[in-house]
Each structure stands twice: as C-alpha cells, then as structure tokens.
Amino acid sequence: MSKKEYDKKWQQANAPKVRAYTAKYQKGKRRATVILDEWIGQEIDKIKPPEQSLGGWIREKIERWAEKSRSETVESSDDLF
C-alpha cells in the first residue's frame, strides 16, 4: 500500500481528528480561488519548480510581496512582483 493510500484510509478512519486539524489550520486564514487562463499557467510553469504546486507558488509570491509591503512603501499594485 502506498503512503498516499495509507494516508487516505487513515483520514477516513479518523474523520473527527482530520476535521479538527483542518479547522485549526484554517482559523485566521482567508481562502481565495483564482481561475487563470491556460496561457498564464503555462508561463508560470516555465519559472516555478516542477515539484511545487501552482497554488503554493502563487501563495509564496503573494506572501513575499505582503512582507515586503509591510516594511516598505508600495506605491501601486504594479509593485506586486
């Protein structure tokens, strides 16, 4: 049995623990869904590491921008990246 299969079965058998963990993780966070044109995804795929998810890559870029904007004056959203 692969680790993925094992994890899925464990999560099914321990649903209350999984729900509690998920709720704790999501507390204080905002969820955003973004739909991108295919060509944008292809351009991102050219520069992001192949092992990293698209969502993770986008989140990393936004977090980096947010940290930078905290410490500096950002004039416009053009300074995002």
PDB file of N, CA and C in Angstrom:
ATOM      1  N   MET A   1       0.850  -1.176   0.000  1.00  0.00           N
ATOM      2  CA  MET A   1       0.000   0.000   0.000  1.00  0.00           C
ATOM      3  C   MET A   1       0.898   1.242   0.000  1.00  0.00           C
ATOM      4  N   SER A   2       0.600   2.166  -0.887  1.00  0.00           N
ATOM      5  CA  SER A   2       1.405   3.387  -0.968  1.00  0.00           C
ATOM      6  C   SER A   2       1.082   4.310   0.203  1.00  0.00           C
ATOM      7  N   LYS A   3       1.965   5.260   0.449  1.00  0.00           N
ATOM      8  CA  LYS A   3       1.749   6.213   1.539  1.00  0.00           C
ATOM      9  C   LYS A   3       0.472   7.008   1.309  1.00  0.00           C
ATOM     10  N   LYS A   4       0.206   7.358   0.063  1.00  0.00           N
ATOM     11  CA  LYS A   4      -0.992   8.122  -0.263  1.00  0.00           C
ATOM     12  C   LYS A   4      -2.251   7.325   0.090  1.00  0.00           C
ATOM     13  N   GLU A   5      -2.261   6.048  -0.268  1.00  0.00           N
ATOM     14  CA  GLU A   5      -3.409   5.194   0.058  1.00  0.00           C
ATOM     15  C   GLU A   5      -3.558   5.041   1.569  1.00  0.00           C
ATOM     16  N   TYR A   6      -2.428   4.842   2.245  1.00  0.00           N
ATOM     17  CA  TYR A   6      -2.450   4.691   3.699  1.00  0.00           C
ATOM     18  C   TYR A   6      -3.002   5.964   4.355  1.00  0.00           C
ATOM     19  N   ASP A   7      -2.512   7.116   3.913  1.00  0.00           N
ATOM     20  CA  ASP A   7      -2.970   8.386   4.474  1.00  0.00           C
ATOM     21  C   ASP A   7      -4.465   8.582   4.255  1.00  0.00           C
ATOM     22  N   LYS A   8      -4.939   8.242   3.072  1.00  0.00           N
ATOM     23  CA  LYS A   8      -6.360   8.405   2.767  1.00  0.00           C
ATOM     24  C   LYS A   8      -7.208   7.522   3.679  1.00  0.00           C
ATOM     25  N   LYS A   9      -6.793   6.272   3.874  1.00  0.00           N
ATOM     26  CA  LYS A   9      -7.541   5.365   4.754  1.00  0.00           C
ATOM     27  C   LYS A   9      -7.498   5.856   6.199  1.00  0.00           C
ATOM     28  N   TRP A  10      -6.329   6.355   6.630  1.00  0.00           N
ATOM     29  CA  TRP A  10      -6.211   6.863   7.991  1.00  0.00           C
ATOM     30  C   TRP A  10      -7.143   8.054   8.190  1.00  0.00           C
ATOM     31  N   GLN A  11      -7.184   8.949   7.206  1.00  0.00           N
ATOM     32  CA  GLN A  11      -8.048  10.120   7.301  1.00  0.00           C
ATOM     33  C   GLN A  11      -9.520   9.726   7.352  1.00  0.00           C
ATOM     34  N   GLN A  12      -9.901   8.714   6.587  1.00  0.00           N
ATOM     35  CA  GLN A  12     -11.286   8.251   6.607  1.00  0.00           C
ATOM     36  C   GLN A  12     -11.636   7.631   7.952  1.00  0.00           C
ATOM     37  N   ALA A  13     -10.700   6.889   8.529  1.00  0.00           N
ATOM     38  CA  ALA A  13     -10.947   6.230   9.810  1.00  0.00           C
ATOM     39  C   ALA A  13     -10.901   7.209  10.982  1.00  0.00           C
ATOM     40  N   ASN A  14     -10.269   8.343  10.795  1.00  0.00           N
ATOM     41  CA  ASN A  14     -10.107   9.331  11.861  1.00  0.00           C
ATOM     42  C   ASN A  14     -10.691  10.681  11.453  1.00  0.00           C
ATOM     43  N   ALA A  15     -11.879  10.648  10.884  1.00  0.00           N
ATOM     44  CA  ALA A  15     -12.500  11.862  10.351  1.00  0.00           C
ATOM     45  C   ALA A  15     -12.613  12.993  11.377  1.00  0.00           C
ATOM     46  N   PRO A  16     -13.007  12.731  12.633  1.00  0.00           N
ATOM     47  CA  PRO A  16     -13.093  13.842  13.597  1.00  0.00           C
ATOM     48  C   PRO A  16     -11.742  14.534  13.831  1.00  0.00           C
ATOM     49  N   LYS A  17     -10.669  13.762  13.895  1.00  0.00           N
ATOM     50  CA  LYS A  17      -9.335  14.351  14.075  1.00  0.00           C
ATOM     51  C   LYS A  17      -8.959  15.205  12.865  1.00  0.00           C
ATOM     52  N   VAL A  18      -9.285  14.712  11.681  1.00  0.00           N
ATOM     53  CA  VAL A  18      -8.956  15.441  10.455  1.00  0.00           C
ATOM     54  C   VAL A  18      -9.736  16.754  10.404  1.00  0.00           C
ATOM     55  N   ARG A  19     -11.028  16.714  10.754  1.00  0.00           N
ATOM     56  CA  ARG A  19     -11.839  17.938  10.758  1.00  0.00           C
ATOM     57  C   ARG A  19     -11.307  18.947  11.773  1.00  0.00           C
ATOM     58  N   ALA A  20     -10.930  18.469  12.959  1.00  0.00           N
ATOM     59  CA  ALA A  20     -10.398  19.368  13.990  1.00  0.00           C
ATOM     60  C   ALA A  20      -9.090  20.008  13.531  1.00  0.00           C
ATOM     61  N   TYR A  21      -8.212  19.215  12.945  1.00  0.00           N
ATOM     62  CA  TYR A  21      -6.934  19.745  12.452  1.00  0.00           C
ATOM     63  C   TYR A  21      -7.173  20.776  11.353  1.00  0.00           C
ATOM     64  N   THR A  22      -8.061  20.456  10.421  1.00  0.00           N
ATOM     65  CA  THR A  22      -8.354  21.360   9.311  1.00  0.00           C
ATOM     66  C   THR A  22      -8.921  22.678   9.823  1.00  0.00           C
ATOM     67  N   ALA A  23      -9.852  22.600  10.777  1.00  0.00           N
ATOM     68  CA  ALA A  23     -10.442  23.818  11.337  1.00  0.00           C
ATOM     69  C   ALA A  23      -9.386  24.669  12.031  1.00  0.00           C
ATOM     70  N   LYS A  24      -8.495  24.029  12.781  1.00  0.00           N
ATOM     71  CA  LYS A  24      -7.432  24.760  13.476  1.00  0.00           C
ATOM     72  C   LYS A  24      -6.482  25.405  12.467  1.00  0.00           C
ATOM     73  N   TYR A  25      -6.139  24.686  11.415  1.00  0.00           N
ATOM     74  CA  TYR A  25      -5.236  25.210  10.391  1.00  0.00           C
ATOM     75  C   TYR A  25      -5.852  26.409   9.676  1.00  0.00           C
ATOM     76  N   GLN A  26      -7.147  26.326   9.371  1.00  0.00           N
ATOM     77  CA  GLN A  26      -7.788  27.369   8.581  1.00  0.00           C
ATOM     78  C   GLN A  26      -8.186  28.592   9.403  1.00  0.00           C
ATOM     79  N   LYS A  27      -8.141  28.480  10.727  1.00  0.00           N
ATOM     80  CA  LYS A  27      -8.519  29.599  11.577  1.00  0.00           C
ATOM     81  C   LYS A  27      -7.560  30.760  11.327  1.00  0.00           C
ATOM     82  N   GLY A  28      -8.109  31.923  11.092  1.00  0.00           N
ATOM     83  CA  GLY A  28      -7.287  33.098  10.857  1.00  0.00           C
ATOM     84  C   GLY A  28      -6.721  33.197   9.455  1.00  0.00           C
ATOM     85  N   LYS A  29      -7.198  32.369   8.556  1.00  0.00           N
ATOM     86  CA  LYS A  29      -6.722  32.405   7.175  1.00  0.00           C
ATOM     87  C   LYS A  29      -7.905  32.709   6.249  1.00  0.00           C
ATOM     88  N   ARG A  30      -7.606  33.259   5.115  1.00  0.00           N
ATOM     89  CA  ARG A  30      -8.625  33.504   4.097  1.00  0.00           C
ATOM     90  C   ARG A  30      -8.391  32.564   2.934  1.00  0.00           C
ATOM     91  N   ARG A  31      -9.476  32.129   2.352  1.00  0.00           N
ATOM     92  CA  ARG A  31      -9.395  31.240   1.195  1.00  0.00           C
ATOM     93  C   ARG A  31      -9.727  32.046  -0.052  1.00  0.00           C
ATOM     94  N   ALA A  32      -8.932  31.848  -1.086  1.00  0.00           N
ATOM     95  CA  ALA A  32      -9.163  32.533  -2.355  1.00  0.00           C
ATOM     96  C   ALA A  32      -9.077  31.510  -3.481  1.00  0.00           C
ATOM     97  N   THR A  33     -10.012  31.583  -4.378  1.00  0.00           N
ATOM     98  CA  THR A  33      -9.994  30.724  -5.554  1.00  0.00           C
ATOM     99  C   THR A  33      -9.737  31.613  -6.762  1.00  0.00           C
ATOM    100  N   VAL A  34      -8.770  31.235  -7.550  1.00  0.00           N
ATOM    101  CA  VAL A  34      -8.403  32.023  -8.724  1.00  0.00           C
ATOM    102  C   VAL A  34      -8.445  31.109  -9.939  1.00  0.00           C
ATOM    103  N   ILE A  35      -9.069  31.579 -10.988  1.00  0.00           N
ATOM    104  CA  ILE A  35      -9.111  30.832 -12.241  1.00  0.00           C
ATOM    105  C   ILE A  35      -8.278  31.612 -13.254  1.00  0.00           C
ATOM    106  N   LEU A  36      -7.248  30.954 -13.769  1.00  0.00           N
ATOM    107  CA  LEU A  36      -6.320  31.596 -14.697  1.00  0.00           C
ATOM    108  C   LEU A  36      -6.511  31.054 -16.105  1.00  0.00           C
ATOM    109  N   ASP A  37      -6.245  31.901 -17.089  1.00  0.00           N
ATOM    110  CA  ASP A  37      -6.221  31.425 -18.469  1.00  0.00           C
ATOM    111  C   ASP A  37      -5.089  30.413 -18.613  1.00  0.00           C
ATOM    112  N   GLU A  38      -5.259  29.486 -19.530  1.00  0.00           N
ATOM    113  CA  GLU A  38      -4.269  28.432 -19.741  1.00  0.00           C
ATOM    114  C   GLU A  38      -2.882  28.994 -20.039  1.00  0.00           C
ATOM    115  N   TRP A  39      -2.816  30.035 -20.849  1.00  0.00           N
ATOM    116  CA  TRP A  39      -1.508  30.584 -21.213  1.00  0.00           C
ATOM    117  C   TRP A  39      -0.775  31.136 -19.995  1.00  0.00           C
ATOM    118  N   ILE A  40      -1.514  31.668 -19.015  1.00  0.00           N
ATOM    119  CA  ILE A  40      -0.872  32.183 -17.801  1.00  0.00           C
ATOM    120  C   ILE A  40      -0.269  31.031 -17.009  1.00  0.00           C
ATOM    121  N   GLY A  41      -1.019  29.946 -16.897  1.00  0.00           N
ATOM    122  CA  GLY A  41      -0.490  28.763 -16.226  1.00  0.00           C
ATOM    123  C   GLY A  41       0.752  28.225 -16.905  1.00  0.00           C
ATOM    124  N   GLN A  42       0.763  28.257 -18.221  1.00  0.00           N
ATOM    125  CA  GLN A  42       1.932  27.785 -18.967  1.00  0.00           C
ATOM    126  C   GLN A  42       3.148  28.672 -18.722  1.00  0.00           C
ATOM    127  N   GLU A  43       2.932  29.976 -18.631  1.00  0.00           N
ATOM    128  CA  GLU A  43       4.042  30.895 -18.347  1.00  0.00           C
ATOM    129  C   GLU A  43       4.585  30.668 -16.938  1.00  0.00           C
ATOM    130  N   ILE A  44       3.700  30.459 -15.983  1.00  0.00           N
ATOM    131  CA  ILE A  44       4.134  30.192 -14.607  1.00  0.00           C
ATOM    132  C   ILE A  44       4.899  28.882 -14.550  1.00  0.00           C
ATOM    133  N   ASP A  45       4.416  27.874 -15.272  1.00  0.00           N
ATOM    134  CA  ASP A  45       5.097  26.570 -15.285  1.00  0.00           C
ATOM    135  C   ASP A  45       6.539  26.672 -15.776  1.00  0.00           C
ATOM    136  N   LYS A  46       6.824  27.679 -16.585  1.00  0.00           N
ATOM    137  CA  LYS A  46       8.188  27.855 -17.095  1.00  0.00           C
ATOM    138  C   LYS A  46       9.160  28.301 -16.004  1.00  0.00           C
ATOM    139  N   ILE A  47       8.649  28.956 -14.955  1.00  0.00           N
ATOM    140  CA  ILE A  47       9.549  29.512 -13.939  1.00  0.00           C
ATOM    141  C   ILE A  47       9.422  28.880 -12.558  1.00  0.00           C
ATOM    142  N   LYS A  48       8.309  28.233 -12.264  1.00  0.00           N
ATOM    143  CA  LYS A  48       8.167  27.634 -10.937  1.00  0.00           C
ATOM    144  C   LYS A  48       8.797  26.249 -10.913  1.00  0.00           C
ATOM    145  N   PRO A  49       9.276  25.817  -9.758  1.00  0.00           N
ATOM    146  CA  PRO A  49       9.839  24.466  -9.659  1.00  0.00           C
ATOM    147  C   PRO A  49       8.763  23.420  -9.971  1.00  0.00           C
ATOM    148  N   PRO A  50       9.080  22.388 -10.731  1.00  0.00           N
ATOM    149  CA  PRO A  50       8.070  21.407 -11.133  1.00  0.00           C
ATOM    150  C   PRO A  50       7.443  20.657  -9.960  1.00  0.00           C
ATOM    151  N   GLU A  51       8.176  20.515  -8.854  1.00  0.00           N
ATOM    152  CA  GLU A  51       7.628  19.780  -7.710  1.00  0.00           C
ATOM    153  C   GLU A  51       6.685  20.636  -6.865  1.00  0.00           C
ATOM    154  N   GLN A  52       6.636  21.942  -7.123  1.00  0.00           N
ATOM    155  CA  GLN A  52       5.788  22.840  -6.343  1.00  0.00           C
ATOM    156  C   GLN A  52       4.433  22.995  -7.016  1.00  0.00           C
ATOM    157  N   SER A  53       3.377  23.011  -6.210  1.00  0.00           N
ATOM    158  CA  SER A  53       2.038  23.187  -6.767  1.00  0.00           C
ATOM    159  C   SER A  53       1.853  24.631  -7.225  1.00  0.00           C
ATOM    160  N   LEU A  54       0.929  24.820  -8.141  1.00  0.00           N
ATOM    161  CA  LEU A  54       0.641  26.161  -8.643  1.00  0.00           C
ATOM    162  C   LEU A  54       0.138  27.049  -7.508  1.00  0.00           C
ATOM    163  N   GLY A  55      -0.795  26.528  -6.718  1.00  0.00           N
ATOM    164  CA  GLY A  55      -1.330  27.307  -5.600  1.00  0.00           C
ATOM    165  C   GLY A  55      -0.261  27.676  -4.591  1.00  0.00           C
ATOM    166  N   GLY A  56       0.618  26.731  -4.303  1.00  0.00           N
ATOM    167  CA  GLY A  56       1.716  27.000  -3.371  1.00  0.00           C
ATOM    168  C   GLY A  56       2.655  28.066  -3.897  1.00  0.00           C
ATOM    169  N   TRP A  57       2.921  28.026  -5.182  1.00  0.00           N
ATOM    170  CA  TRP A  57       3.805  29.012  -5.800  1.00  0.00           C
ATOM    171  C   TRP A  57       3.186  30.403  -5.736  1.00  0.00           C
ATOM    172  N   ILE A  58       1.902  30.484  -6.076  1.00  0.00           N
ATOM    173  CA  ILE A  58       1.204  31.776  -6.036  1.00  0.00           C
ATOM    174  C   ILE A  58       1.162  32.305  -4.603  1.00  0.00           C
ATOM    175  N   ARG A  59       0.839  31.442  -3.638  1.00  0.00           N
ATOM    176  CA  ARG A  59       0.794  31.852  -2.234  1.00  0.00           C
ATOM    177  C   ARG A  59       2.160  32.378  -1.779  1.00  0.00           C
ATOM    178  N   GLU A  60       3.224  31.692  -2.165  1.00  0.00           N
ATOM    179  CA  GLU A  60       4.581  32.114  -1.798  1.00  0.00           C
ATOM    180  C   GLU A  60       4.883  33.511  -2.342  1.00  0.00           C
ATOM    181  N   LYS A  61       4.517  33.766  -3.590  1.00  0.00           N
ATOM    182  CA  LYS A  61       4.768  35.078  -4.192  1.00  0.00           C
ATOM    183  C   LYS A  61       3.976  36.172  -3.478  1.00  0.00           C
ATOM    184  N   ILE A  62       2.723  35.903  -3.169  1.00  0.00           N
ATOM    185  CA  ILE A  62       1.888  36.902  -2.500  1.00  0.00           C
ATOM    186  C   ILE A  62       2.388  37.157  -1.081  1.00  0.00           C
ATOM    187  N   GLU A  63       2.785  36.098  -0.371  1.00  0.00           N
ATOM    188  CA  GLU A  63       3.318  36.277   0.982  1.00  0.00           C
ATOM    189  C   GLU A  63       4.600  37.107   0.952  1.00  0.00           C
ATOM    190  N   ARG A  64       5.460  36.850  -0.020  1.00  0.00           N
ATOM    191  CA  ARG A  64       6.707  37.618  -0.150  1.00  0.00           C
ATOM    192  C   ARG A  64       6.393  39.091  -0.401  1.00  0.00           C
ATOM    193  N   TRP A  65       5.419  39.353  -1.290  1.00  0.00           N
ATOM    194  CA  TRP A  65       5.019  40.730  -1.553  1.00  0.00           C
ATOM    195  C   TRP A  65       4.450  41.382  -0.296  1.00  0.00           C
ATOM    196  N   ALA A  66       3.613  40.658   0.450  1.00  0.00           N
ATOM    197  CA  ALA A  66       2.999  41.222   1.653  1.00  0.00           C
ATOM    198  C   ALA A  66       4.056  41.578   2.695  1.00  0.00           C
ATOM    199  N   GLU A  67       5.039  40.709   2.872  1.00  0.00           N
ATOM    200  CA  GLU A  67       6.125  41.001   3.810  1.00  0.00           C
ATOM    201  C   GLU A  67       6.902  42.236   3.363  1.00  0.00           C
ATOM    202  N   LYS A  68       7.164  42.334   2.077  1.00  0.00           N
ATOM    203  CA  LYS A  68       7.894  43.482   1.537  1.00  0.00           C
ATOM    204  C   LYS A  68       7.085  44.762   1.723  1.00  0.00           C
ATOM    205  N   SER A  69       5.783  44.695   1.473  1.00  0.00           N
ATOM    206  CA  SER A  69       4.958  45.898   1.569  1.00  0.00           C
ATOM    207  C   SER A  69       4.780  46.349   3.015  1.00  0.00           C
ATOM    208  N   ARG A  70       4.935  45.439   3.963  1.00  0.00           N
ATOM    209  CA  ARG A  70       4.888  45.812   5.375  1.00  0.00           C
ATOM    210  C   ARG A  70       6.053  46.714   5.745  1.00  0.00           C
ATOM    211  N   SER A  71       7.203  46.416   5.187  1.00  0.00           N
ATOM    212  CA  SER A  71       8.414  47.129   5.570  1.00  0.00           C
ATOM    213  C   SER A  71       8.754  48.296   4.645  1.00  0.00           C
ATOM    214  N   GLU A  72       8.116  48.367   3.501  1.00  0.00           N
ATOM    215  CA  GLU A  72       8.394  49.432   2.538  1.00  0.00           C
ATOM    216  C   GLU A  72       7.088  50.079   2.113  1.00  0.00           C
ATOM    217  N   THR A  73       7.194  51.234   1.521  1.00  0.00           N
ATOM    218  CA  THR A  73       6.023  51.880   0.956  1.00  0.00           C
ATOM    219  C   THR A  73       5.852  51.370  -0.467  1.00  0.00           C
ATOM    220  N   VAL A  74       4.743  50.708  -0.704  1.00  0.00           N
ATOM    221  CA  VAL A  74       4.452  50.207  -2.042  1.00  0.00           C
ATOM    222  C   VAL A  74       3.488  51.191  -2.685  1.00  0.00           C
ATOM    223  N   GLU A  75       3.906  51.771  -3.786  1.00  0.00           N
ATOM    224  CA  GLU A  75       3.134  52.818  -4.440  1.00  0.00           C
ATOM    225  C   GLU A  75       1.885  52.282  -5.139  1.00  0.00           C
ATOM    226  N   SER A  76       1.992  51.118  -5.764  1.00  0.00           N
ATOM    227  CA  SER A  76       0.856  50.590  -6.513  1.00  0.00           C
ATOM    228  C   SER A  76       0.936  49.074  -6.584  1.00  0.00           C
ATOM    229  N   SER A  77      -0.138  48.468  -7.071  1.00  0.00           N
ATOM    230  CA  SER A  77      -0.142  47.015  -7.230  1.00  0.00           C
ATOM    231  C   SER A  77       0.818  46.575  -8.329  1.00  0.00           C
ATOM    232  N   ASP A  78       1.331  47.518  -9.124  1.00  0.00           N
ATOM    233  CA  ASP A  78       2.332  47.178 -10.141  1.00  0.00           C
ATOM    234  C   ASP A  78       3.616  46.680  -9.492  1.00  0.00           C
ATOM    235  N   ASP A  79       3.811  47.014  -8.216  1.00  0.00           N
ATOM    236  CA  ASP A  79       4.996  46.581  -7.482  1.00  0.00           C
ATOM    237  C   ASP A  79       4.814  45.189  -6.883  1.00  0.00           C
ATOM    238  N   LEU A  80       3.768  44.499  -7.279  1.00  0.00           N
ATOM    239  CA  LEU A  80       3.431  43.209  -6.673  1.00  0.00           C
ATOM    240  C   LEU A  80       4.561  42.212  -6.777  1.00  0.00           C
ATOM    241  N   PHE A  81       5.195  42.102  -7.929  1.00  0.00           N
ATOM    242  CA  PHE A  81       6.259  41.099  -8.079  1.00  0.00           C
ATOM    243  C   PHE A  81       7.511  41.787  -8.510  1.00  0.00           C
TER     244      PHE A  81
END
